[in-house]
Protein backbone atom coordinates (compact mmCIF):
# COMPACT_ATOMS: atom_id res chain seq x y z
CA MET A 1 79.69 118.77 -82.43
CA SER A 2 76.98 117.63 -84.63
CA VAL A 3 73.96 116.60 -83.00
CA VAL A 4 71.85 113.71 -83.97
CA VAL A 5 67.93 114.05 -83.39
CA ARG A 6 65.57 111.16 -83.18
CA VAL A 7 62.28 111.28 -83.50
CA ASN A 8 60.06 108.24 -82.23
CA LEU A 9 56.51 107.35 -83.76
CA PHE A 10 54.42 104.89 -82.35
CA SER A 11 50.76 103.68 -84.94
CA ASN A 12 48.63 102.15 -82.84
CA PRO A 13 46.95 99.26 -84.42
CA SER A 14 44.25 97.10 -82.37
CA ILE A 15 46.67 94.22 -81.88
CA SER A 16 46.07 92.39 -78.25
CA LEU A 17 48.50 90.22 -76.63
CA PRO A 18 49.21 86.79 -78.30
CA SER A 19 47.17 84.06 -77.10
CA ARG A 20 49.70 82.01 -78.26
CA GLY A 21 52.70 80.76 -75.97
CA PHE A 22 55.71 83.55 -76.64
CA SER A 23 58.79 82.62 -74.36
CA VAL A 24 60.92 85.60 -74.58
CA THR A 25 62.67 87.46 -71.33
CA SER A 26 64.54 90.96 -70.70
CA SER A 27 67.51 92.78 -68.49
CA SER A 28 67.52 93.09 -65.25
CA CYS A 29 68.98 97.05 -64.70
CA LEU A 30 70.64 95.67 -61.28
CA TYR A 31 72.73 93.62 -63.25
CA VAL A 32 73.09 94.47 -67.01
CA GLY A 33 73.50 97.32 -68.62
CA ARG A 34 75.38 99.48 -71.75
CA LYS A 35 77.86 101.32 -70.71
CA ILE A 36 77.22 105.49 -71.65
CA LEU A 37 80.03 107.45 -72.20
CA ARG A 38 79.02 110.04 -75.00
CA PRO A 39 76.49 112.59 -74.98
CA SER A 40 73.71 112.39 -76.62
CA SER A 41 70.57 114.27 -77.81
CA ASP A 42 66.30 113.77 -77.59
CA LEU A 43 63.39 115.43 -79.53
CA TYR A 44 61.11 115.99 -76.51
CA LEU A 45 58.35 118.42 -74.91
CA ARG A 46 58.93 120.37 -72.09
CA GLN A 47 56.87 121.87 -70.14
CA ARG A 48 56.12 125.61 -70.32
CA TYR A 49 54.51 127.72 -67.67
CA ASN A 50 52.44 131.17 -67.69
CA SER A 51 54.10 134.23 -65.86
CA ASN A 52 51.21 133.64 -63.45
CA GLY A 53 52.60 129.57 -62.45
CA LYS A 54 49.69 128.07 -64.61
CA ARG A 55 51.14 125.40 -66.99
CA ARG A 56 50.25 126.66 -70.87
CA THR A 57 47.93 124.04 -72.79
CA LYS A 58 50.77 124.22 -75.64
CA PRO A 59 53.71 122.45 -74.78
CA LEU A 60 57.27 123.76 -75.94
CA LEU A 61 60.24 121.29 -78.51
CA ALA A 62 62.99 121.75 -76.95
CA VAL A 63 66.57 119.43 -78.29
CA ILE A 64 68.27 119.82 -75.07
CA ALA A 65 71.92 118.09 -75.46
CA SER A 66 73.01 115.52 -72.59
CA SER A 67 75.37 115.87 -70.22
CA ARG A 68 75.69 112.88 -68.80
CA VAL A 69 78.94 112.38 -67.44
CA PRO A 70 80.77 109.10 -67.91
CA GLU A 71 79.84 105.83 -65.77
CA LEU A 72 82.44 105.50 -62.74
CA ASP A 73 83.52 101.38 -63.08
CA SER A 74 86.28 99.45 -61.41
CA SER A 75 88.85 101.41 -62.67
CA SER A 76 87.80 104.66 -60.91
CA GLU A 77 89.50 106.20 -57.92
CA PRO A 78 87.34 106.42 -54.69
CA LEU A 79 84.91 109.13 -54.22
CA GLN A 80 85.24 110.93 -50.49
CA VAL A 81 81.82 109.78 -49.25
CA PHE A 82 80.81 110.98 -46.02
CA ASP A 83 82.33 114.68 -46.99
CA GLY A 84 79.15 116.58 -46.34
CA SER A 85 78.14 116.14 -50.05
CA THR A 86 74.87 114.95 -51.07
CA ARG A 87 74.83 112.45 -53.61
CA LEU A 88 72.58 110.29 -55.74
CA TYR A 89 74.12 106.52 -57.10
CA ILE A 90 72.54 105.62 -60.00
CA SER A 91 72.67 103.42 -63.22
CA TYR A 92 71.25 105.14 -66.57
CA THR A 93 69.74 102.30 -67.45
CA CYS A 94 68.48 100.97 -64.16
CA PRO A 95 64.41 101.61 -64.07
CA PHE A 96 64.29 101.77 -60.38
CA ALA A 97 67.72 104.03 -60.06
CA GLN A 98 65.60 106.37 -62.45
CA ARG A 99 62.89 107.12 -60.43
CA ALA A 100 65.51 109.02 -58.01
CA TRP A 101 67.06 110.23 -60.76
CA ILE A 102 63.37 111.56 -61.64
CA ALA A 103 62.18 112.94 -58.13
CA ARG A 104 65.38 114.95 -58.37
CA ASN A 105 65.03 116.27 -61.14
CA TYR A 106 61.41 117.64 -60.47
CA LYS A 107 62.15 119.40 -57.20
CA GLY A 108 64.98 121.50 -58.67
CA LEU A 109 67.45 119.75 -56.80
CA GLN A 110 69.74 119.24 -59.47
CA ASP A 111 73.14 121.66 -57.65
CA LYS A 112 71.83 120.12 -53.92
CA ILE A 113 72.65 116.67 -54.48
CA GLU A 114 75.09 115.58 -56.82
CA LEU A 115 74.25 112.32 -60.15
CA VAL A 116 76.96 109.61 -59.87
CA PRO A 117 76.38 107.04 -62.06
CA ILE A 118 77.62 103.70 -61.39
CA ASP A 119 78.73 101.38 -64.30
CA LEU A 120 76.64 98.51 -62.92
CA THR A 121 78.55 95.50 -65.36
CA ASN A 122 81.68 96.11 -63.99
CA ARG A 123 81.65 97.90 -60.30
CA PRO A 124 83.90 99.92 -58.31
CA ALA A 125 84.56 97.59 -55.41
CA TRP A 126 84.86 100.28 -53.18
CA TYR A 127 80.74 101.21 -53.90
CA LYS A 128 79.74 98.30 -51.39
CA GLU A 129 82.43 98.15 -49.52
CA ARG A 130 82.50 102.37 -48.58
CA VAL A 131 78.61 103.25 -49.60
CA TYR A 132 76.12 100.49 -50.10
CA GLU A 133 76.60 97.14 -48.88
CA SER A 134 73.51 96.09 -50.91
CA ASN A 135 75.77 97.01 -53.98
CA LYS A 136 72.47 98.49 -55.79
CA VAL A 137 70.99 101.98 -57.14
CA PRO A 138 69.99 103.44 -56.71
CA ALA A 139 71.05 104.98 -53.03
CA LEU A 140 71.60 108.16 -51.24
CA GLU A 141 74.10 109.65 -49.85
CA HIS A 142 72.88 112.76 -46.94
CA ASN A 143 73.79 113.71 -43.78
CA ASN A 144 76.25 111.06 -43.01
CA ARG A 145 74.01 108.34 -44.01
CA VAL A 146 72.75 105.67 -47.37
CA ILE A 147 70.00 105.34 -48.20
CA GLY A 148 68.31 102.99 -50.77
CA GLU A 149 65.73 101.06 -52.09
CA SER A 150 63.68 103.16 -54.50
CA LEU A 151 60.32 104.19 -53.31
CA ASP A 152 61.84 104.65 -49.76
CA LEU A 153 63.69 106.83 -51.83
CA ILE A 154 61.62 109.13 -53.80
CA LYS A 155 59.87 109.31 -50.75
CA TYR A 156 63.02 110.77 -48.62
CA ILE A 157 63.85 112.73 -51.13
CA ASP A 158 60.50 114.57 -51.58
CA SER A 159 60.04 114.94 -48.10
CA ASN A 160 63.70 116.11 -47.03
CA PHE A 161 64.24 118.50 -49.93
CA GLU A 162 62.66 121.25 -50.63
CA GLY A 163 61.13 122.41 -54.14
CA LEU A 164 58.06 120.78 -56.30
CA SER A 165 55.66 119.06 -54.19
CA LEU A 166 55.39 115.12 -55.28
CA THR A 167 53.33 113.77 -52.33
CA PRO A 168 49.26 114.20 -52.76
CA ASP A 169 46.99 116.69 -51.00
CA GLY A 170 43.91 114.94 -48.78
CA PRO A 171 43.85 111.32 -46.92
CA GLU A 172 41.31 110.21 -50.09
CA LYS A 173 44.53 110.88 -53.12
CA GLN A 174 46.98 110.05 -49.98
CA ALA A 175 44.99 106.45 -49.92
CA PHE A 176 45.39 105.79 -53.37
CA ALA A 177 48.56 106.95 -53.76
CA ASP A 178 49.56 104.41 -50.86
CA GLU A 179 47.52 101.68 -52.78
CA LEU A 180 48.94 102.22 -56.19
CA LEU A 181 53.04 102.40 -54.75
CA SER A 182 52.08 98.92 -53.37
CA TYR A 183 51.35 97.78 -56.53
CA THR A 184 54.21 98.20 -58.58
CA ASP A 185 55.85 95.29 -57.87
CA SER A 186 52.91 93.27 -58.80
CA PHE A 187 52.46 95.37 -62.13
CA SER A 188 56.08 94.10 -63.03
CA LYS A 189 56.22 91.30 -61.99
CA ALA A 190 52.74 90.51 -64.18
CA VAL A 191 54.16 92.38 -67.17
CA ARG A 192 57.32 90.37 -66.93
CA SER A 193 55.44 86.99 -66.69
CA THR A 194 54.00 87.17 -70.02
CA LEU A 195 57.84 88.37 -71.60
CA ASN A 196 58.81 85.23 -69.99
CA GLY A 197 56.25 82.73 -71.42
CA ASP A 198 54.01 82.34 -68.16
CA ASP A 199 51.04 83.60 -68.11
CA ASN A 200 50.08 85.60 -71.98
CA ASP A 201 47.15 87.57 -70.56
CA ALA A 202 48.87 88.86 -67.39
CA ALA A 203 50.04 91.94 -68.73
CA ASP A 204 46.92 92.57 -70.16
CA ALA A 205 45.30 92.52 -66.64
CA ALA A 206 47.75 94.38 -65.69
CA PHE A 207 47.95 97.37 -67.86
CA ASP A 208 43.89 97.10 -67.37
CA TYR A 209 44.23 98.30 -63.80
CA ILE A 210 46.90 100.71 -65.15
CA GLU A 211 44.32 102.01 -66.84
CA ARG A 212 41.30 102.32 -64.31
CA ALA A 213 43.36 103.61 -61.57
CA LEU A 214 43.95 106.64 -64.37
CA SER A 215 40.45 106.95 -64.34
CA LYS A 216 39.79 107.87 -60.24
CA PHE A 217 40.73 111.83 -60.61
CA LYS A 218 39.43 113.60 -62.94
CA GLU A 219 41.11 116.87 -62.49
CA GLY A 220 44.06 116.04 -65.17
CA SER A 221 46.12 113.11 -66.39
CA PHE A 222 48.01 111.75 -63.90
CA PHE A 223 47.07 109.30 -61.57
CA LEU A 224 46.33 111.70 -58.93
CA GLY A 225 45.70 115.03 -60.61
CA GLN A 226 48.66 116.57 -60.08
CA PHE A 227 52.33 114.77 -61.39
CA SER A 228 53.72 113.04 -58.28
CA LEU A 229 55.32 110.29 -56.66
CA VAL A 230 52.54 107.52 -58.15
CA ASP A 231 53.70 108.72 -61.54
CA VAL A 232 57.57 108.73 -60.90
CA ALA A 233 56.85 105.19 -59.70
CA TYR A 234 56.02 103.71 -62.95
CA ALA A 235 56.90 105.83 -65.79
CA PRO A 236 60.03 104.28 -66.49
CA PHE A 237 58.87 101.08 -66.55
CA ILE A 238 55.75 102.28 -68.92
CA GLU A 239 58.75 103.43 -70.72
CA ARG A 240 60.35 100.09 -71.36
CA PHE A 241 56.60 97.72 -72.07
CA GLN A 242 55.60 100.01 -74.60
CA LEU A 243 58.82 100.34 -76.67
CA ILE A 244 59.53 96.02 -75.86
CA PHE A 245 55.95 94.99 -76.64
CA LYS A 246 55.59 97.07 -79.95
CA ASP A 247 59.18 96.03 -81.68
CA VAL A 248 59.32 92.52 -79.85
CA MET A 249 55.67 91.82 -79.74
CA ASN A 250 53.91 94.19 -82.38
CA VAL A 251 51.63 94.67 -79.32
CA ASP A 252 50.54 98.54 -78.37
CA ILE A 253 50.28 98.48 -74.92
CA THR A 254 47.93 101.99 -75.38
CA SER A 255 45.33 100.11 -77.97
CA GLY A 256 41.95 100.82 -75.78
CA ARG A 257 43.47 102.14 -73.22
CA PRO A 258 42.79 106.19 -73.59
CA ASN A 259 43.66 107.05 -70.38
CA LEU A 260 46.65 105.66 -70.00
CA ALA A 261 47.75 106.93 -73.91
CA LEU A 262 47.04 110.38 -72.54
CA TRP A 263 49.18 109.77 -69.51
CA ILE A 264 51.96 108.28 -71.56
CA GLN A 265 51.74 111.89 -73.42
CA GLU A 266 50.84 114.13 -71.05
CA VAL A 267 54.83 112.52 -69.09
CA ASN A 268 56.66 113.19 -72.26
CA LYS A 269 55.53 116.72 -71.98
CA ILE A 270 58.09 116.51 -68.39
CA GLU A 271 61.43 117.81 -68.31
CA ALA A 272 62.45 116.30 -65.22
CA TYR A 273 61.74 112.43 -66.65
CA THR A 274 62.60 113.09 -70.84
CA GLU A 275 65.96 113.92 -69.22
CA THR A 276 66.24 110.72 -67.70
CA ARG A 277 64.88 109.08 -71.14
CA GLN A 278 67.35 106.38 -72.82
CA ASP A 279 67.49 105.48 -76.18
CA PRO A 280 64.74 103.51 -77.10
CA GLN A 281 67.45 101.28 -79.44
CA VAL A 282 69.30 100.84 -77.21
CA ILE A 283 65.91 99.38 -74.60
CA VAL A 284 65.17 97.35 -76.77
CA GLU A 285 68.80 96.13 -78.12
CA ARG A 286 69.51 94.73 -74.32
CA TYR A 287 66.31 93.21 -74.34
CA LYS A 288 66.91 90.91 -77.10
CA LYS A 289 70.19 90.34 -76.52
CA ARG A 290 69.10 88.63 -72.98
CA VAL A 291 66.32 86.79 -75.25
CA GLN A 292 69.00 85.45 -77.76
CA ALA A 293 70.99 84.62 -74.49
CA GLY A 294 67.86 82.32 -72.90
CA LEU A 295 67.76 84.60 -69.71
CA ARG A 296 64.48 85.31 -67.82
CA LEU A 297 63.41 89.44 -67.17
C-alpha cells in the first residue's frame, strides 16, 4: 500500500480583510459532507513526553495512517442500540462532531467509546428512528441514553469518563472558560457574516477577540494556559476558517495576531486533534461548490 504525505505551507502576507462586498458562502456540516471511504495519511506534529510526564519542547514528526472506517449510510444495517455499548456518532466532515471526537481522543477513550461515522448526505433512517430524534451529529450513546449538542457533549465526556482532564482549575479560569464557550456561536456567526458578504468587518472583530482572549493566561499557549474544553470547542472552526480565508480571499487570519498564530502551531502538536483533521483541499473544494451553487454558510 502506498502512502502519500501532504505538507501544507502557508505564507504570512500582511493582508487585511477586503472592504469590498464579497458574497461567498460555505457548507453546513449538518447537511453537506463528502463521503470518506479510504484511509488517508497526514504529516503532523506529535506531542512527546519525558519520563517525568512533562512535555518536551521539541515535537516529534510522525506519519500516522488513518484507521477511519467507512461511514454508515441508508444501505447500512441498523446497529443494536442500547446493548451496553458506548458509541459516539459523528461525521468526518462536521466541526461540531469533531469537538466530541477530539475530547474522546484526548482522554484516551478510543477503546471505551466506539466511533460510529454517519454519512450526512445519505443518512440511515434508523439513526433518527432509533438513536437520535434530532437526526444530527454528534450524539453519544451511553448508559441507555443519548446525549447531543457538541458543547454539552464535550463537557459530559470530560466529567463522566476517566482520562486527562479538559476542565480548568480555579474559579478564574472556570469563569473565563464559560465566557469563551458561550461566545463560540457568536464567533462562528461573525466570521460567516463576512464570508456571506453581509458584514466585511465582522470576521476581523471576531479574530481580534480570539487574539485578546489568548493573551489572558501567559503560562501556556492555549486559552486557559493548558489544553482545555475551550481549545476543543474552537479548533475545528478555526481550522476551517483559516483554510477558507487563505485560499478564497487570500487573507491570513494570523497576520498581526501572534497569539493566534502560536495557538494554531501548538494545537497542531496535539495528536488528539490532528487525528481528526480533514484534508484541507476537501474543505476548500466543498466551500467553493457551495459558493457556485449560490448557497449560504
